[in-house]
Protein backbone atom coordinates (compact mmCIF):
# COMPACT_ATOMS: atom_id res chain seq x y z
CA MET A 1 -6.25 0.46 -7.49
CA ASP A 2 -5.36 -2.19 -10.33
CA PHE A 3 -7.45 -1.49 -13.50
CA SER A 4 -6.04 -3.95 -15.22
CA LYS A 5 -9.39 -6.35 -15.77
CA ASP A 6 -11.81 -3.19 -16.75
CA LEU A 7 -14.50 -3.04 -14.66
CA VAL A 8 -16.27 -0.09 -15.22
CA THR A 9 -19.55 -1.37 -16.40
CA PRO A 10 -22.58 0.59 -17.85
CA ASP A 11 -24.06 0.96 -14.68
CA VAL A 12 -20.97 2.07 -12.23
CA ALA A 13 -19.78 4.40 -15.35
CA LEU A 14 -24.23 5.92 -15.08
CA VAL A 15 -23.49 6.50 -10.68
CA LEU A 16 -19.87 7.99 -11.66
CA GLN A 17 -20.91 10.43 -13.73
CA LEU A 18 -23.38 11.84 -11.29
CA ARG A 19 -20.81 12.99 -9.38
CA THR A 20 -19.01 15.96 -9.17
CA ILE A 21 -15.21 17.10 -9.18
CA ASN A 22 -16.51 19.47 -6.63
CA ASP A 23 -17.66 16.15 -4.50
CA PRO A 24 -15.03 14.18 -4.12
CA TRP A 25 -15.47 10.29 -2.20
CA PHE A 26 -12.58 10.69 0.38
CA PRO A 27 -12.18 14.47 1.55
CA ARG A 28 -9.17 13.51 3.39
CA LEU A 29 -7.79 10.88 0.74
CA GLU A 30 -3.91 12.23 0.95
CA THR A 31 -2.33 9.36 -1.55
CA LEU A 32 -3.87 7.71 -4.93
CA LYS A 33 -1.80 5.51 -6.88
CA CYS A 34 -3.40 3.56 -9.71
CA LYS A 35 -2.17 0.64 -11.89
CA GLU A 36 -3.30 -0.08 -15.64
CA VAL A 37 -5.58 2.63 -15.90
CA THR A 38 -6.85 2.42 -19.14
CA GLU A 39 -9.26 5.16 -21.12
CA ALA A 40 -12.48 4.63 -20.40
CA PHE A 41 -11.69 4.62 -16.81
CA SER A 42 -9.22 7.85 -16.74
CA PRO A 43 -11.99 10.21 -16.55
CA PHE A 44 -13.48 9.44 -12.94
CA ILE A 45 -9.83 9.51 -11.30
CA PRO A 46 -10.51 13.31 -10.73
CA LEU A 47 -13.67 12.39 -8.78
CA PHE A 48 -10.76 10.52 -6.23
CA LEU A 49 -9.28 13.26 -5.71
CA SER A 50 -9.11 15.76 -3.14
CA PRO A 51 -7.34 19.44 -2.96
CA LYS A 52 -5.78 17.05 0.20
CA THR A 53 -3.85 15.34 -1.98
CA THR A 54 -0.65 15.09 -1.93
CA GLU A 55 1.22 12.38 -3.45
CA ILE A 56 -0.48 10.88 -7.18
CA GLU A 57 1.23 7.60 -9.25
CA ILE A 58 -0.57 6.33 -12.28
CA GLU A 59 0.33 3.71 -14.44
CA PHE A 60 -1.49 4.02 -17.51
CA GLU A 61 -2.52 1.16 -20.34
CA PHE A 62 -2.60 2.75 -23.84
CA THR A 63 -3.08 0.90 -26.91
CA GLU A 64 -2.40 1.89 -30.29
CA ASP A 65 -6.33 3.09 -31.13
CA THR A 66 -6.60 5.18 -27.53
CA PRO A 67 -7.26 8.77 -28.00
CA PRO A 68 -5.20 10.69 -26.07
CA VAL A 69 -7.71 13.54 -25.85
CA VAL A 70 -9.51 11.87 -22.93
CA VAL A 71 -6.86 11.39 -21.04
CA ALA A 72 -5.33 14.49 -21.66
CA SER A 73 -8.29 16.41 -19.79
CA THR A 74 -7.37 14.31 -16.84
CA ILE A 75 -3.93 15.34 -16.87
CA ALA A 76 -4.22 19.08 -17.38
CA ARG A 77 -6.90 19.19 -13.92
CA LEU A 78 -4.43 17.38 -11.52
CA SER A 79 -2.78 19.92 -10.42
CA THR A 80 -6.00 22.10 -10.32
CA LEU A 81 -7.86 19.79 -7.87
CA CYS A 82 -4.60 19.47 -6.22
CA PRO A 83 -3.14 22.56 -5.76
CA ASP A 84 -0.12 20.86 -2.40
CA LEU A 85 0.97 18.51 -5.26
CA GLU A 86 4.12 17.12 -3.38
CA ARG A 87 4.43 14.27 -5.77
CA ILE A 88 2.91 13.10 -9.24
CA ILE A 89 4.38 10.24 -10.93
CA LEU A 90 3.33 9.40 -14.32
CA ASN A 91 4.14 6.35 -15.95
CA ASP A 92 3.31 5.06 -19.85
CA LEU A 93 2.10 8.17 -21.67
CA PRO A 94 1.76 8.03 -25.14
CA ARG A 95 4.35 10.43 -27.22
CA ASP A 96 1.82 12.69 -28.69
CA LEU A 97 1.62 15.98 -28.85
CA VAL A 98 -1.84 16.26 -26.63
CA ILE A 99 -0.17 14.98 -24.49
CA ILE A 100 3.15 16.88 -24.48
CA GLU A 101 0.81 19.47 -23.58
CA ALA A 102 -1.63 18.47 -20.87
CA VAL A 103 1.66 17.33 -18.76
CA SER A 104 2.68 20.77 -19.74
CA GLU A 105 -0.48 22.41 -18.04
CA MET A 106 -0.43 20.25 -15.14
CA ALA A 107 3.51 21.67 -14.83
CA LEU A 108 3.33 24.85 -15.01
CA ALA A 109 0.52 24.80 -12.97
CA CYS A 110 1.94 23.53 -9.75
CA ASN A 111 2.82 24.86 -6.45
CA ARG A 112 6.56 25.51 -6.70
CA ASP A 113 6.44 25.61 -3.08
CA THR A 114 5.50 22.05 -2.56
CA LEU A 115 6.00 19.67 -5.44
CA GLN A 116 8.99 17.49 -4.77
CA MET A 117 9.15 14.60 -7.34
CA PHE A 118 7.98 14.98 -10.48
CA ARG A 119 8.64 11.98 -12.30
CA VAL A 120 6.11 12.35 -15.78
CA ASP A 121 6.94 9.70 -18.85
CA SER A 122 7.04 12.85 -21.13
CA PRO A 123 8.36 15.58 -23.03
CA LEU A 124 7.72 19.74 -21.74
CA THR A 125 7.06 22.30 -23.69
CA LYS A 126 9.81 25.20 -23.25
CA GLU A 127 7.89 27.34 -21.05
CA ALA A 128 7.61 24.53 -18.49
CA ARG A 129 11.05 23.21 -19.03
CA GLN A 130 12.45 26.48 -17.79
CA ALA A 131 9.69 26.03 -14.91
CA VAL A 132 10.38 22.41 -13.79
CA PHE A 133 13.48 22.75 -14.11
CA ARG A 134 14.25 26.12 -11.94
CA LEU A 135 11.96 24.07 -8.77
CA PRO A 136 13.24 24.89 -5.60
CA ARG A 137 12.66 21.91 -3.48
CA LEU A 138 12.55 19.50 -6.43
CA SER A 139 14.13 16.41 -4.74
CA GLN A 140 13.41 13.86 -7.63
CA MET A 141 12.87 14.29 -11.54
CA TRP A 142 12.25 12.31 -14.85
CA ALA A 143 13.31 14.12 -18.13
CA VAL A 144 12.56 12.93 -21.63
CA PHE A 145 13.91 15.46 -23.73
CA GLN A 146 12.82 14.84 -27.87
CA GLY A 147 14.29 16.41 -30.62
CA ILE A 148 17.13 19.43 -30.90
CA VAL A 149 16.37 20.80 -27.18
CA SER A 150 17.69 23.54 -25.17
CA LEU A 151 17.59 23.67 -21.31
CA PRO A 152 17.61 27.24 -19.18
CA THR A 153 20.28 27.25 -17.19
CA VAL A 154 19.75 23.98 -14.27
CA ALA A 155 19.27 25.90 -10.55
CA LEU A 156 17.66 22.45 -8.62
CA PRO A 157 19.51 22.77 -5.66
CA ASN A 158 17.24 20.13 -3.51
CA LEU A 159 17.89 17.27 -6.25
CA THR A 160 19.19 13.90 -5.06
CA ALA A 161 18.10 12.06 -8.25
CA ILE A 162 17.06 12.42 -12.06
CA ASP A 163 16.40 10.33 -14.90
CA VAL A 164 17.06 11.75 -18.62
CA GLU A 165 15.72 10.12 -21.48
CA TYR A 166 16.95 11.80 -24.96
CA HIS A 167 17.12 10.35 -28.63
CA SER A 168 18.18 13.00 -30.61
CA ASN A 169 21.41 15.13 -29.81
CA MET A 170 23.20 16.57 -26.45
CA ASN A 171 22.84 20.00 -26.29
CA TRP A 172 20.43 19.97 -23.51
CA LEU A 173 23.44 18.74 -21.86
CA ARG A 174 24.83 22.41 -21.71
CA GLY A 175 21.95 23.36 -18.78
CA PHE A 176 23.84 21.42 -16.80
CA HIS A 177 26.60 23.70 -17.29
CA GLY A 178 27.53 25.28 -13.70
CA ALA A 179 24.12 23.92 -12.85
CA THR A 180 22.90 24.55 -9.00
CA LEU A 181 23.10 20.52 -8.23
CA ASP A 182 24.08 20.52 -4.46
CA LYS A 183 22.99 17.63 -3.18
CA LEU A 184 22.89 15.32 -6.58
CA ASP A 185 22.99 11.67 -5.43
CA SER A 186 21.82 9.71 -8.37
CA ILE A 187 21.43 10.18 -12.23
CA SER A 188 20.61 8.02 -15.10
CA PHE A 189 20.20 8.24 -18.86
CA ARG A 190 18.25 6.63 -21.92
CA SER A 191 18.80 6.54 -25.23
CA GLU A 192 18.65 4.78 -28.13
CA SER A 193 19.87 7.47 -30.86
CA ASN A 194 21.55 6.12 -33.64
CA HIS A 195 25.03 8.18 -32.96
CA ILE A 196 25.48 7.88 -29.16
CA GLY A 197 28.93 9.00 -29.46
CA ASP A 198 31.42 10.02 -26.48
CA PHE A 199 28.05 10.86 -23.97
CA LEU A 200 30.74 10.17 -21.03
CA GLY A 201 33.12 12.34 -22.32
CA ALA A 202 30.94 15.29 -23.04
CA PHE A 203 28.72 14.43 -19.52
CA GLU A 204 32.35 14.80 -17.87
CA SER A 205 33.15 18.12 -19.49
CA VAL A 206 29.45 19.11 -17.76
CA ALA A 207 30.07 18.09 -14.59
CA SER A 208 33.75 19.36 -13.77
CA SER A 209 31.51 22.57 -13.61
CA THR A 210 29.33 21.98 -11.02
CA SER A 211 29.21 20.11 -7.80
CA VAL A 212 29.07 16.70 -9.05
CA GLN A 213 31.84 15.20 -9.02
CA ASN A 214 31.87 15.37 -5.54
CA THR A 215 28.33 14.22 -4.16
CA LEU A 216 26.94 11.08 -7.06
CA SER A 217 27.12 7.93 -5.61
CA GLU A 218 24.85 6.14 -8.56
CA PHE A 219 25.55 6.25 -11.99
CA GLY A 220 23.90 4.64 -15.15
CA PHE A 221 23.60 4.77 -18.62
CA TYR A 222 21.33 2.37 -21.02
CA THR A 223 20.56 2.00 -23.96
CA SER A 224 19.73 -1.15 -26.57
CA ARG A 225 22.41 -0.44 -29.21
CA ALA A 226 25.79 -1.44 -29.82
CA TRP A 227 28.40 1.53 -28.23
CA ASP A 228 31.88 2.07 -26.73
CA PRO A 229 31.76 3.87 -24.17
CA LYS A 230 35.10 6.17 -23.12
CA TYR A 231 35.18 5.17 -19.69
CA SER A 232 37.99 6.60 -18.22
CA SER A 233 35.51 10.03 -18.20
CA LEU A 234 34.52 8.67 -15.29
CA LEU A 235 37.41 8.78 -13.50
CA SER A 236 36.76 11.91 -11.65
CA PHE A 237 33.83 11.24 -10.30
CA THR A 238 35.59 9.11 -7.07
CA GLN A 239 31.96 9.28 -5.04
CA LEU A 240 31.08 6.40 -7.23
CA LYS A 241 29.13 3.60 -5.40
CA GLU A 242 26.86 2.12 -8.58
CA VAL A 243 28.26 2.16 -11.91
CA GLU A 244 25.85 0.40 -14.66
CA ILE A 245 26.18 1.30 -18.32
CA GLU A 246 24.38 -1.06 -20.91
CA PHE A 247 24.93 -1.50 -24.03
CA SER A 248 24.06 -4.29 -26.90
CA CYS A 249 26.38 -7.13 -28.53
CA LYS A 250 23.70 -7.83 -30.63
CA GLY A 251 25.17 -9.02 -33.79
CA GLY A 252 28.74 -9.28 -32.50
CA CYS A 253 30.35 -8.26 -29.37
CA SER A 254 30.83 -4.21 -28.89
CA SER A 255 32.87 -4.44 -25.66
CA ARG A 256 35.94 -2.87 -25.26
CA ILE A 257 36.35 -3.84 -21.34
CA ASP A 258 39.76 -4.89 -20.22
CA ASP A 259 42.51 -5.23 -17.35
CA GLY A 260 43.55 -1.66 -18.12
CA ILE A 261 40.29 -0.14 -17.63
CA ILE A 262 38.67 -2.30 -14.72
CA THR A 263 41.64 -1.49 -12.94
CA SER A 264 41.23 1.96 -13.43
CA LEU A 265 37.75 2.11 -12.63
CA ALA A 266 38.49 -0.29 -9.46
CA GLU A 267 41.54 2.56 -8.18
CA ALA A 268 39.47 5.74 -8.55
CA MET A 269 35.92 4.60 -7.53
CA PRO A 270 37.49 1.99 -4.09
CA LYS A 271 33.62 2.35 -2.03
CA LEU A 272 31.73 0.19 -4.79
CA GLU A 273 29.02 -1.85 -4.65
CA ILE A 274 27.59 -2.49 -7.75
CA LEU A 275 29.19 -2.67 -11.37
CA ARG A 276 27.51 -3.54 -14.48
CA LEU A 277 29.34 -2.76 -17.67
CA GLY A 278 27.60 -4.25 -20.83
CA LYS A 279 24.64 -6.10 -20.79
CA GLU A 280 24.71 -9.58 -20.02
CA PRO A 281 27.77 -11.14 -21.23
CA CYS A 282 28.35 -12.51 -24.53
CA ALA A 283 30.32 -15.41 -26.22
CA ALA A 284 32.81 -14.24 -27.61
CA PRO A 285 36.11 -14.71 -26.11
CA THR A 286 37.21 -10.73 -25.03
CA GLY A 287 37.34 -9.00 -21.79
CA VAL A 288 38.94 -9.15 -18.19
CA THR A 289 41.18 -11.78 -17.57
CA VAL A 290 41.60 -13.46 -13.74
CA ASN A 291 44.72 -10.32 -12.86
CA GLY A 292 41.75 -7.25 -13.31
CA LEU A 293 39.24 -9.73 -11.44
CA ILE A 294 42.00 -10.15 -8.22
CA GLY A 295 42.73 -6.17 -8.89
CA LEU A 296 38.74 -5.65 -8.44
CA ALA A 297 38.47 -7.39 -4.90
CA ARG A 298 41.26 -6.21 -3.84
CA LEU A 299 40.31 -2.96 -4.55
CA CYS A 300 36.45 -2.66 -3.82
CA PRO A 301 36.19 -4.98 -0.93
CA CYS A 302 32.46 -3.66 -0.69
CA LEU A 303 31.66 -4.68 -4.71
CA SER A 304 28.75 -7.03 -3.99
CA LYS A 305 26.92 -7.08 -7.43
CA LEU A 306 28.94 -7.34 -10.87
CA ARG A 307 28.23 -8.04 -14.26
CA ILE A 308 30.93 -7.48 -17.10
CA HIS A 309 32.83 -9.19 -19.85
CA PHE A 310 34.98 -11.63 -18.23
CA GLN A 311 37.18 -14.31 -19.99
CA ALA A 312 36.47 -17.67 -18.15
CA ALA A 313 39.14 -19.70 -19.84
CA ASN A 314 42.07 -17.59 -18.80
CA LEU A 315 41.39 -18.41 -15.61
CA VAL A 316 40.93 -21.83 -16.03
CA GLU A 317 44.75 -21.03 -18.03
CA ALA A 318 46.18 -19.29 -14.90
CA ALA A 319 44.87 -22.28 -12.68
CA ASN A 320 46.76 -24.11 -14.22
CA ASN A 321 49.54 -22.78 -14.71
CA ALA A 322 49.85 -21.69 -10.93
CA ALA A 323 52.94 -22.76 -9.04
CA THR A 324 51.69 -24.34 -5.43
CA PRO A 325 52.94 -22.17 -2.79
CA SER A 326 53.96 -22.19 0.33
CA PRO A 327 51.39 -22.58 3.32
CA SER A 328 52.23 -19.39 4.84
CA ASP A 329 52.48 -17.51 1.27
CA ASP A 330 48.74 -19.30 0.66
CA GLU A 331 46.99 -17.58 3.90
CA GLN A 332 48.49 -14.69 3.23
CA ALA A 333 46.62 -14.48 0.17
CA ILE A 334 43.51 -14.99 0.98
CA ASP A 335 43.55 -13.07 4.42
CA ARG A 336 43.86 -9.95 1.25
CA ARG A 337 41.15 -10.83 -0.03
CA GLU A 338 38.78 -11.95 2.28
CA ASP A 339 36.78 -8.70 3.04
CA CYS A 340 36.03 -9.21 -0.81
CA ALA A 341 31.80 -8.56 -0.68
CA LEU A 342 31.33 -9.44 -4.07
CA ALA A 343 28.03 -12.29 -3.86
CA ASP A 344 26.33 -11.86 -7.52
CA LEU A 345 28.01 -12.62 -10.46
CA GLU A 346 26.49 -12.45 -14.09
CA VAL A 347 28.40 -14.54 -16.44
CA GLY A 348 25.14 -14.38 -18.84
CA ASP A 349 26.57 -16.69 -22.16
CA ILE A 350 30.56 -16.76 -21.05
CA ARG A 351 32.10 -20.08 -22.68
CA ILE A 352 34.04 -21.87 -20.20
CA PRO A 353 36.47 -24.93 -21.96
CA ALA A 354 34.92 -28.59 -21.40
CA ARG A 355 35.16 -30.26 -18.05
CA SER A 356 36.79 -26.80 -16.32
CA GLY A 357 33.80 -26.27 -14.23
CA LEU A 358 35.63 -27.53 -10.99
CA LYS A 359 37.98 -24.99 -11.44
CA VAL A 360 36.43 -22.38 -12.86
CA ALA A 361 33.92 -22.59 -9.56
CA LEU A 362 37.43 -22.79 -7.19
CA ILE A 363 39.33 -19.67 -9.00
CA LEU A 364 36.12 -17.70 -8.58
CA LEU A 365 35.61 -18.58 -4.70
CA GLN A 366 39.64 -18.09 -4.01
CA ILE A 367 39.44 -14.26 -5.87
CA PHE A 368 35.98 -13.75 -4.15
CA PRO A 369 34.85 -16.09 -0.89
CA ARG A 370 31.47 -14.86 -0.34
CA ILE A 371 30.02 -15.35 -3.67
CA LEU A 372 26.58 -17.13 -3.72
CA ASN A 373 24.57 -16.75 -7.14
CA ILE A 374 25.93 -17.27 -10.29
CA LYS A 375 23.22 -16.01 -12.73
CA TYR A 376 24.05 -17.29 -16.43
CA THR A 377 21.89 -18.01 -19.88
CA ASN A 378 24.77 -20.76 -20.89
CA GLU A 379 24.25 -24.19 -19.03
CA GLU A 380 28.15 -24.40 -18.49
CA TRP A 381 27.94 -22.27 -15.75
CA SER A 382 25.23 -24.92 -14.00
CA SER A 383 28.29 -27.24 -12.61
CA VAL A 384 29.98 -23.92 -11.22
CA ALA A 385 26.94 -22.16 -9.60
CA GLU A 386 26.24 -25.85 -8.08
CA ILE A 387 29.35 -26.09 -6.56
CA ILE A 388 30.03 -22.96 -5.34
CA GLY A 389 26.59 -23.52 -3.20
CA ASP A 390 28.01 -26.87 -1.95
CA PHE A 391 31.21 -24.83 -0.79
CA ARG A 392 28.91 -22.10 0.80
CA ARG A 393 26.60 -25.34 2.71
CA ILE A 394 30.20 -27.32 3.46
CA ARG A 395 32.21 -24.30 5.45
CA ALA A 396 28.60 -23.10 7.38
CA PHE A 397 27.86 -26.71 8.67
CA VAL A 398 31.70 -26.44 9.90
CA HIS A 399 31.01 -23.42 11.78
CA ARG A 400 28.58 -24.78 12.86
CA SER A 401 30.63 -27.13 14.30
CA GLY A 402 32.93 -24.90 16.18
CA ILE A 403 35.77 -25.91 14.18
CA VAL A 404 37.72 -23.40 12.00
CA TYR A 405 39.41 -24.53 9.05
CA SER A 406 41.30 -22.00 6.07
CA LEU A 407 39.92 -21.75 3.10
CA PRO A 408 42.54 -24.01 0.96
CA THR A 409 41.25 -26.83 3.35
CA TYR A 410 37.61 -25.72 2.45
CA LEU A 411 38.28 -26.00 -1.22
CA THR A 412 40.01 -29.62 -0.64
CA ILE A 413 37.29 -30.93 0.66
CA ALA A 414 35.49 -29.35 -2.55
CA SER A 415 37.93 -30.86 -4.90
CA ASN A 416 37.32 -33.84 -4.07
CA THR A 417 33.91 -34.55 -4.13
CA GLN A 418 31.49 -34.81 -6.71
CA PRO A 419 28.97 -31.70 -7.82
CA GLY A 420 25.95 -32.27 -5.97
CA SER A 421 26.92 -35.31 -4.02
CA MET A 422 27.93 -33.95 -0.78
CA PHE A 423 24.73 -33.38 1.32
CA LYS A 424 23.04 -35.88 0.15
CA ASP A 425 23.38 -38.25 3.19
CA ARG A 426 21.94 -35.78 5.22
CA ASN A 427 21.86 -38.19 8.74
CA ALA A 428 26.04 -38.63 8.02
CA LEU A 429 26.39 -35.04 8.08
CA GLN A 430 24.54 -34.22 10.87
CA ASP A 431 26.56 -36.74 13.05
CA GLY A 432 29.66 -35.26 11.48
CA ARG A 433 30.97 -38.66 9.95
CA ARG A 434 30.99 -36.27 6.28
């Protein structure tokens, strides 16, 4: 149901009010999902539920003037109306004391032997936190910590994914020391704290007392503030496949990523598939050079998506200064990197030297032969994206023709053709004359 347009007319409301919670519309309903639920409609949600309902997902829509009392009353009754809830998802809740009390009441009343997913966008009372962080079957959860919060020692043996939001200090991390988290695969943190500090170091210290370093494959930290993460704290998480750490360059570049950092991460995490460090890369001429990109491609063959600050000017400089290799050396260099799976590269506002789009495209193709998409905000990259697209089409055509050329041959074809002009003559292409 989508209530982005409120269709609860007075006549409809009268009919709804005549119903009772003991007479649900759908007595066998197992799953209820609602979007854009307004305060006006929320009192009618219980009429759709039944004792057989095991999954509830509601996305609320509030304004600043919305009184939370009516919504809170509805939330507090969910676990009573649905005594065997397995999955509960409540999005976009206001951070109001009345809502916190209602959500906590619902959490305490949930059946601890059936609840498997608790993704509720609200803080909890101390009593509710103690209950939720010790649910035996819980596999996925959101946790929102507001102010100075303490946790009991966490015991969630079946937890596979957790998303934590906090805006104050890191006292709550102590609850994870020695925690039972035997199956934890994914963890994300979100914070708008004025002082994030060495969060990665604090997390690594706590995680070392658990089994998380052996099970974790996805790690994320998201903030809209400037931040200088200490990436070395992640080196012990050798099973990671996805790493995403956001920070802002608004007001000046805050990225400290260089070849040493990127190489250390690649060596420690050979299974990496997705790596995003920082938000959209800014225009500052800092970051990884061609050496770091080559090392990343060589050490992480499964890498498919990448977003980091890197120096496009250094790619051009490396291309200009490179000595011409012998054919055998060139083929060996290509073969070593042929397996790199990188398809998507986010470059944001990184600057390119004037009239260097072709060289940047060719060296990227040399490092990442499977690259498909360039995501950019700086229009200087449009020619790079176009050249890479042309190259992909040329290679696909040649392969369909049953002729296999080396990558240098493809690059020669591309370098002698104006960007965007390769496939304007479709008939010539089909006839194999071009």
